[in-house]
Amino acid sequence: MIDFFHGVNPFQLRLSHIGMFNHYFRSIIMHTHLNPDLELLHMRAGEHFKQTSNNSFMPHLSLLYSNLDLIRKKQLMESMAIGSPLILTIQEAALVETQGDPDQWREIVRIPFS
């Protein structure tokens, strides 16, 4: 179905540190170190979906979606005891339709890496 995943093998991501933003979808996140596998997938997906963006690519693991104020987010962030560096093995990708609120999102397809 989505050919830009063809030939992708599972790969590891190293998460580095916790951060927070004043955005609903990036309230509290764990930043990832740059990774050539993930950058290649990002480039292929952009080409496949004909996306052009002025936003810089900032891969991360979202820990919290919220509209909390920054003081409360900072309190939550400081209370999290997540060891660093943390390494995750990425074995598949999912394409998700993100219209509406997160509880309305739906998975279109899940693709295991070879």
N, C-alpha and C. Protein backbone atom coordinates (compact mmCIF):
# COMPACT_ATOMS: atom_id res chain seq x y z
N MET A 1 0.83 -1.20 0.00
CA MET A 1 0.00 0.00 0.00
C MET A 1 0.87 1.26 0.00
N ILE A 2 1.74 1.40 0.97
CA ILE A 2 2.60 2.58 1.02
C ILE A 2 4.01 2.11 0.79
N ASP A 3 4.50 2.35 -0.42
CA ASP A 3 5.77 1.78 -0.84
C ASP A 3 7.00 2.44 -0.23
N PHE A 4 6.87 3.61 0.37
CA PHE A 4 8.07 4.23 0.93
C PHE A 4 8.59 3.50 2.17
N PHE A 5 7.82 2.56 2.70
CA PHE A 5 8.28 1.74 3.81
C PHE A 5 9.04 0.51 3.34
N HIS A 6 8.99 0.22 2.03
CA HIS A 6 9.63 -0.98 1.50
C HIS A 6 11.12 -1.00 1.82
N GLY A 7 11.57 -2.12 2.34
CA GLY A 7 12.99 -2.30 2.62
C GLY A 7 13.46 -1.69 3.93
N VAL A 8 12.55 -1.14 4.72
CA VAL A 8 12.95 -0.57 6.01
C VAL A 8 13.03 -1.68 7.04
N ASN A 9 14.12 -1.74 7.74
CA ASN A 9 14.32 -2.71 8.82
C ASN A 9 14.06 -2.03 10.16
N PRO A 10 13.72 -2.83 11.19
CA PRO A 10 13.60 -2.22 12.52
C PRO A 10 14.88 -1.46 12.86
N PHE A 11 14.71 -0.37 13.59
CA PHE A 11 15.86 0.45 13.97
C PHE A 11 15.67 0.97 15.38
N GLN A 12 16.75 1.45 15.96
CA GLN A 12 16.69 1.95 17.32
C GLN A 12 16.69 3.47 17.34
N LEU A 13 15.91 4.01 18.27
CA LEU A 13 15.89 5.43 18.54
C LEU A 13 16.38 5.66 19.96
N ARG A 14 17.23 6.63 20.10
CA ARG A 14 17.71 7.03 21.42
C ARG A 14 16.97 8.29 21.83
N LEU A 15 16.27 8.20 22.95
CA LEU A 15 15.59 9.36 23.49
C LEU A 15 16.55 10.07 24.43
N SER A 16 16.54 11.39 24.43
CA SER A 16 17.56 12.09 25.18
C SER A 16 17.07 12.77 26.46
N HIS A 17 16.13 13.69 26.34
CA HIS A 17 15.72 14.45 27.52
C HIS A 17 14.27 14.90 27.37
N ILE A 18 13.68 15.21 28.51
CA ILE A 18 12.29 15.66 28.54
C ILE A 18 12.25 17.16 28.23
N GLY A 19 11.24 17.56 27.49
CA GLY A 19 11.02 18.97 27.20
C GLY A 19 9.54 19.28 27.22
N MET A 20 9.22 20.54 27.22
CA MET A 20 7.80 20.94 27.21
C MET A 20 7.63 22.14 26.30
N PHE A 21 6.43 22.25 25.76
CA PHE A 21 6.09 23.34 24.87
C PHE A 21 4.70 23.85 25.21
N ASN A 22 4.38 25.01 24.72
CA ASN A 22 3.05 25.57 24.92
C ASN A 22 2.15 25.20 23.74
N HIS A 23 2.16 23.91 23.39
CA HIS A 23 1.34 23.38 22.31
C HIS A 23 0.60 22.15 22.83
N TYR A 24 -0.64 21.99 22.45
CA TYR A 24 -1.43 20.84 22.90
C TYR A 24 -0.74 19.51 22.57
N PHE A 25 -0.24 19.37 21.33
CA PHE A 25 0.32 18.10 20.90
C PHE A 25 1.78 17.92 21.30
N ARG A 26 2.39 18.90 21.88
CA ARG A 26 3.78 18.78 22.36
C ARG A 26 3.89 19.31 23.78
N SER A 27 2.91 18.99 24.61
CA SER A 27 2.92 19.51 25.97
C SER A 27 4.18 19.07 26.70
N ILE A 28 4.35 17.77 26.84
CA ILE A 28 5.56 17.21 27.44
C ILE A 28 6.04 16.10 26.51
N ILE A 29 7.29 16.17 26.13
CA ILE A 29 7.84 15.21 25.16
C ILE A 29 9.20 14.72 25.61
N MET A 30 9.65 13.63 24.98
CA MET A 30 11.05 13.21 25.08
C MET A 30 11.64 13.43 23.71
N HIS A 31 12.72 14.20 23.67
CA HIS A 31 13.41 14.46 22.41
C HIS A 31 14.16 13.20 21.98
N THR A 32 14.33 13.01 20.69
CA THR A 32 15.15 11.91 20.18
C THR A 32 16.42 12.47 19.57
N HIS A 33 17.45 11.66 19.63
CA HIS A 33 18.68 12.02 18.93
C HIS A 33 18.42 11.85 17.43
N LEU A 34 19.14 12.60 16.62
CA LEU A 34 19.00 12.44 15.18
C LEU A 34 19.31 11.00 14.79
N ASN A 35 18.56 10.49 13.84
CA ASN A 35 18.69 9.10 13.43
C ASN A 35 18.52 9.02 11.92
N PRO A 36 19.50 8.47 11.20
CA PRO A 36 19.40 8.43 9.74
C PRO A 36 18.21 7.63 9.23
N ASP A 37 17.82 6.56 9.92
CA ASP A 37 16.66 5.77 9.48
C ASP A 37 15.38 6.59 9.55
N LEU A 38 15.21 7.29 10.65
CA LEU A 38 14.01 8.10 10.83
C LEU A 38 14.01 9.29 9.87
N GLU A 39 15.15 9.90 9.65
CA GLU A 39 15.23 11.01 8.71
C GLU A 39 14.90 10.55 7.29
N LEU A 40 15.36 9.35 6.91
CA LEU A 40 15.04 8.81 5.59
C LEU A 40 13.54 8.58 5.44
N LEU A 41 12.91 7.99 6.46
CA LEU A 41 11.46 7.77 6.42
C LEU A 41 10.72 9.10 6.32
N HIS A 42 11.16 10.10 7.04
CA HIS A 42 10.53 11.41 7.00
C HIS A 42 10.62 12.00 5.59
N MET A 43 11.79 11.89 4.98
CA MET A 43 11.98 12.40 3.62
C MET A 43 11.10 11.65 2.63
N ARG A 44 11.08 10.31 2.73
CA ARG A 44 10.26 9.51 1.81
C ARG A 44 8.78 9.83 1.97
N ALA A 45 8.33 9.97 3.21
CA ALA A 45 6.91 10.28 3.46
C ALA A 45 6.56 11.64 2.88
N GLY A 46 7.44 12.62 3.06
CA GLY A 46 7.19 13.95 2.50
C GLY A 46 7.06 13.91 0.99
N GLU A 47 7.94 13.13 0.35
CA GLU A 47 7.86 12.99 -1.11
C GLU A 47 6.60 12.26 -1.52
N HIS A 48 6.27 11.17 -0.83
CA HIS A 48 5.09 10.37 -1.16
C HIS A 48 3.80 11.19 -1.07
N PHE A 49 3.69 11.96 0.02
CA PHE A 49 2.46 12.73 0.25
C PHE A 49 2.56 14.15 -0.30
N LYS A 50 3.66 14.42 -1.02
CA LYS A 50 3.87 15.72 -1.65
C LYS A 50 3.71 16.86 -0.64
N GLN A 51 4.36 16.67 0.51
CA GLN A 51 4.30 17.67 1.58
C GLN A 51 5.51 18.60 1.50
N THR A 52 5.24 19.85 1.60
CA THR A 52 6.31 20.83 1.75
C THR A 52 6.01 21.59 3.02
N SER A 53 7.00 21.73 3.85
CA SER A 53 6.79 22.37 5.13
C SER A 53 7.99 23.23 5.48
N ASN A 54 7.73 24.36 6.08
CA ASN A 54 8.80 25.21 6.58
C ASN A 54 9.17 24.83 8.01
N ASN A 55 8.40 23.92 8.60
CA ASN A 55 8.69 23.48 9.96
C ASN A 55 9.88 22.54 9.96
N SER A 56 10.74 22.70 10.93
CA SER A 56 11.87 21.78 11.02
C SER A 56 11.40 20.45 11.60
N PHE A 57 12.04 19.40 11.18
CA PHE A 57 11.71 18.05 11.63
C PHE A 57 12.20 17.90 13.07
N MET A 58 11.29 17.62 13.99
CA MET A 58 11.64 17.46 15.40
C MET A 58 11.05 16.15 15.91
N PRO A 59 11.72 15.03 15.63
CA PRO A 59 11.18 13.77 16.11
C PRO A 59 11.19 13.73 17.64
N HIS A 60 10.14 13.16 18.19
CA HIS A 60 10.00 13.10 19.64
C HIS A 60 8.96 12.04 20.01
N LEU A 61 8.92 11.71 21.27
CA LEU A 61 7.90 10.83 21.82
C LEU A 61 7.02 11.70 22.70
N SER A 62 5.75 11.82 22.33
CA SER A 62 4.83 12.63 23.14
C SER A 62 4.47 11.88 24.41
N LEU A 63 4.64 12.54 25.54
CA LEU A 63 4.28 11.96 26.83
C LEU A 63 2.95 12.50 27.34
N LEU A 64 2.58 13.70 26.89
CA LEU A 64 1.34 14.31 27.35
C LEU A 64 0.81 15.27 26.30
N TYR A 65 -0.47 15.12 25.97
CA TYR A 65 -1.19 16.11 25.19
C TYR A 65 -2.04 16.86 26.21
N SER A 66 -1.94 18.18 26.27
CA SER A 66 -2.77 18.91 27.22
C SER A 66 -2.75 20.39 26.93
N ASN A 67 -3.71 21.09 27.52
CA ASN A 67 -3.75 22.54 27.48
C ASN A 67 -3.42 23.12 28.86
N LEU A 68 -2.68 22.36 29.66
CA LEU A 68 -2.30 22.85 30.98
C LEU A 68 -1.41 24.07 30.85
N ASP A 69 -1.42 24.91 31.88
CA ASP A 69 -0.53 26.07 31.85
C ASP A 69 0.92 25.60 32.05
N LEU A 70 1.85 26.45 31.67
CA LEU A 70 3.27 26.07 31.69
C LEU A 70 3.78 25.75 33.09
N ILE A 71 3.26 26.40 34.10
CA ILE A 71 3.69 26.11 35.48
C ILE A 71 3.32 24.68 35.85
N ARG A 72 2.10 24.27 35.55
CA ARG A 72 1.66 22.89 35.86
C ARG A 72 2.43 21.88 35.03
N LYS A 73 2.67 22.18 33.76
CA LYS A 73 3.46 21.28 32.92
C LYS A 73 4.86 21.11 33.48
N LYS A 74 5.44 22.21 33.93
CA LYS A 74 6.80 22.13 34.49
C LYS A 74 6.80 21.26 35.73
N GLN A 75 5.80 21.40 36.59
CA GLN A 75 5.69 20.55 37.78
C GLN A 75 5.61 19.08 37.40
N LEU A 76 4.76 18.78 36.41
CA LEU A 76 4.63 17.39 35.95
C LEU A 76 5.94 16.88 35.36
N MET A 77 6.57 17.69 34.51
CA MET A 77 7.81 17.30 33.87
C MET A 77 8.88 17.00 34.90
N GLU A 78 9.00 17.83 35.90
CA GLU A 78 10.00 17.64 36.94
C GLU A 78 9.72 16.43 37.81
N SER A 79 8.46 15.98 37.87
CA SER A 79 8.12 14.82 38.70
C SER A 79 8.34 13.49 37.98
N MET A 80 8.60 13.54 36.68
CA MET A 80 8.78 12.31 35.90
C MET A 80 10.19 11.77 36.12
N ALA A 81 10.26 10.52 36.46
CA ALA A 81 11.56 9.86 36.67
C ALA A 81 11.81 8.91 35.52
N ILE A 82 12.23 9.45 34.40
CA ILE A 82 12.51 8.64 33.22
C ILE A 82 14.01 8.66 33.01
N GLY A 83 14.60 7.46 33.01
CA GLY A 83 16.04 7.37 32.81
C GLY A 83 16.44 7.83 31.43
N SER A 84 17.64 8.36 31.36
CA SER A 84 18.14 8.83 30.08
C SER A 84 19.59 8.38 29.94
N PRO A 85 20.06 7.93 28.81
CA PRO A 85 19.29 7.81 27.58
C PRO A 85 18.43 6.56 27.58
N LEU A 86 17.32 6.65 26.93
CA LEU A 86 16.39 5.55 26.78
C LEU A 86 16.43 5.13 25.32
N ILE A 87 16.51 3.82 25.06
CA ILE A 87 16.59 3.33 23.68
C ILE A 87 15.35 2.50 23.38
N LEU A 88 14.70 2.83 22.28
CA LEU A 88 13.52 2.10 21.82
C LEU A 88 13.80 1.47 20.46
N THR A 89 13.28 0.27 20.24
CA THR A 89 13.37 -0.36 18.92
C THR A 89 12.06 -0.11 18.20
N ILE A 90 12.17 0.51 17.04
CA ILE A 90 10.99 0.82 16.22
C ILE A 90 10.82 -0.32 15.21
N GLN A 91 9.71 -1.05 15.32
CA GLN A 91 9.50 -2.24 14.51
C GLN A 91 8.39 -2.09 13.49
N GLU A 92 7.64 -0.99 13.56
CA GLU A 92 6.54 -0.79 12.64
C GLU A 92 6.17 0.68 12.59
N ALA A 93 5.38 1.01 11.61
CA ALA A 93 4.86 2.37 11.46
C ALA A 93 3.35 2.28 11.32
N ALA A 94 2.68 3.33 11.74
CA ALA A 94 1.23 3.40 11.60
C ALA A 94 0.88 4.73 10.94
N LEU A 95 -0.03 4.67 10.01
CA LEU A 95 -0.56 5.86 9.37
C LEU A 95 -1.90 6.15 10.04
N VAL A 96 -2.05 7.35 10.60
CA VAL A 96 -3.22 7.68 11.39
C VAL A 96 -3.88 8.93 10.83
N GLU A 97 -5.19 8.88 10.66
CA GLU A 97 -5.98 10.05 10.26
C GLU A 97 -6.23 10.86 11.53
N THR A 98 -5.76 12.12 11.55
CA THR A 98 -5.78 12.91 12.79
C THR A 98 -6.78 14.06 12.73
N GLN A 99 -7.88 13.87 12.06
CA GLN A 99 -8.92 14.90 12.05
C GLN A 99 -9.66 14.87 13.38
N GLY A 100 -9.94 16.04 13.92
CA GLY A 100 -10.69 16.13 15.17
C GLY A 100 -9.81 15.92 16.39
N ASP A 101 -10.46 15.65 17.51
CA ASP A 101 -9.77 15.40 18.77
C ASP A 101 -9.11 14.02 18.74
N PRO A 102 -8.08 13.81 19.59
CA PRO A 102 -7.39 12.51 19.58
C PRO A 102 -8.31 11.29 19.74
N ASP A 103 -9.40 11.42 20.47
CA ASP A 103 -10.29 10.26 20.61
C ASP A 103 -11.06 9.96 19.32
N GLN A 104 -10.96 10.85 18.33
CA GLN A 104 -11.60 10.63 17.03
C GLN A 104 -10.60 10.15 15.97
N TRP A 105 -9.34 10.12 16.29
CA TRP A 105 -8.33 9.67 15.34
C TRP A 105 -8.56 8.21 15.01
N ARG A 106 -8.17 7.81 13.80
CA ARG A 106 -8.31 6.40 13.45
C ARG A 106 -7.10 5.93 12.66
N GLU A 107 -6.70 4.72 12.97
CA GLU A 107 -5.57 4.12 12.27
C GLU A 107 -6.00 3.66 10.90
N ILE A 108 -5.23 4.08 9.90
CA ILE A 108 -5.52 3.69 8.51
C ILE A 108 -4.84 2.37 8.18
N VAL A 109 -3.56 2.30 8.49
CA VAL A 109 -2.79 1.09 8.20
C VAL A 109 -1.61 1.00 9.15
N ARG A 110 -1.22 -0.20 9.49
CA ARG A 110 -0.03 -0.47 10.31
C ARG A 110 0.90 -1.33 9.46
N ILE A 111 2.16 -0.90 9.35
CA ILE A 111 3.11 -1.58 8.47
C ILE A 111 4.31 -2.06 9.26
N PRO A 112 4.47 -3.38 9.41
CA PRO A 112 5.66 -3.89 10.11
C PRO A 112 6.89 -3.73 9.22
N PHE A 113 8.01 -3.38 9.82
CA PHE A 113 9.26 -3.29 9.07
C PHE A 113 9.79 -4.69 8.84
N SER A 114 10.51 -4.88 7.71
CA SER A 114 10.96 -6.22 7.33
C SER A 114 12.14 -6.68 8.17
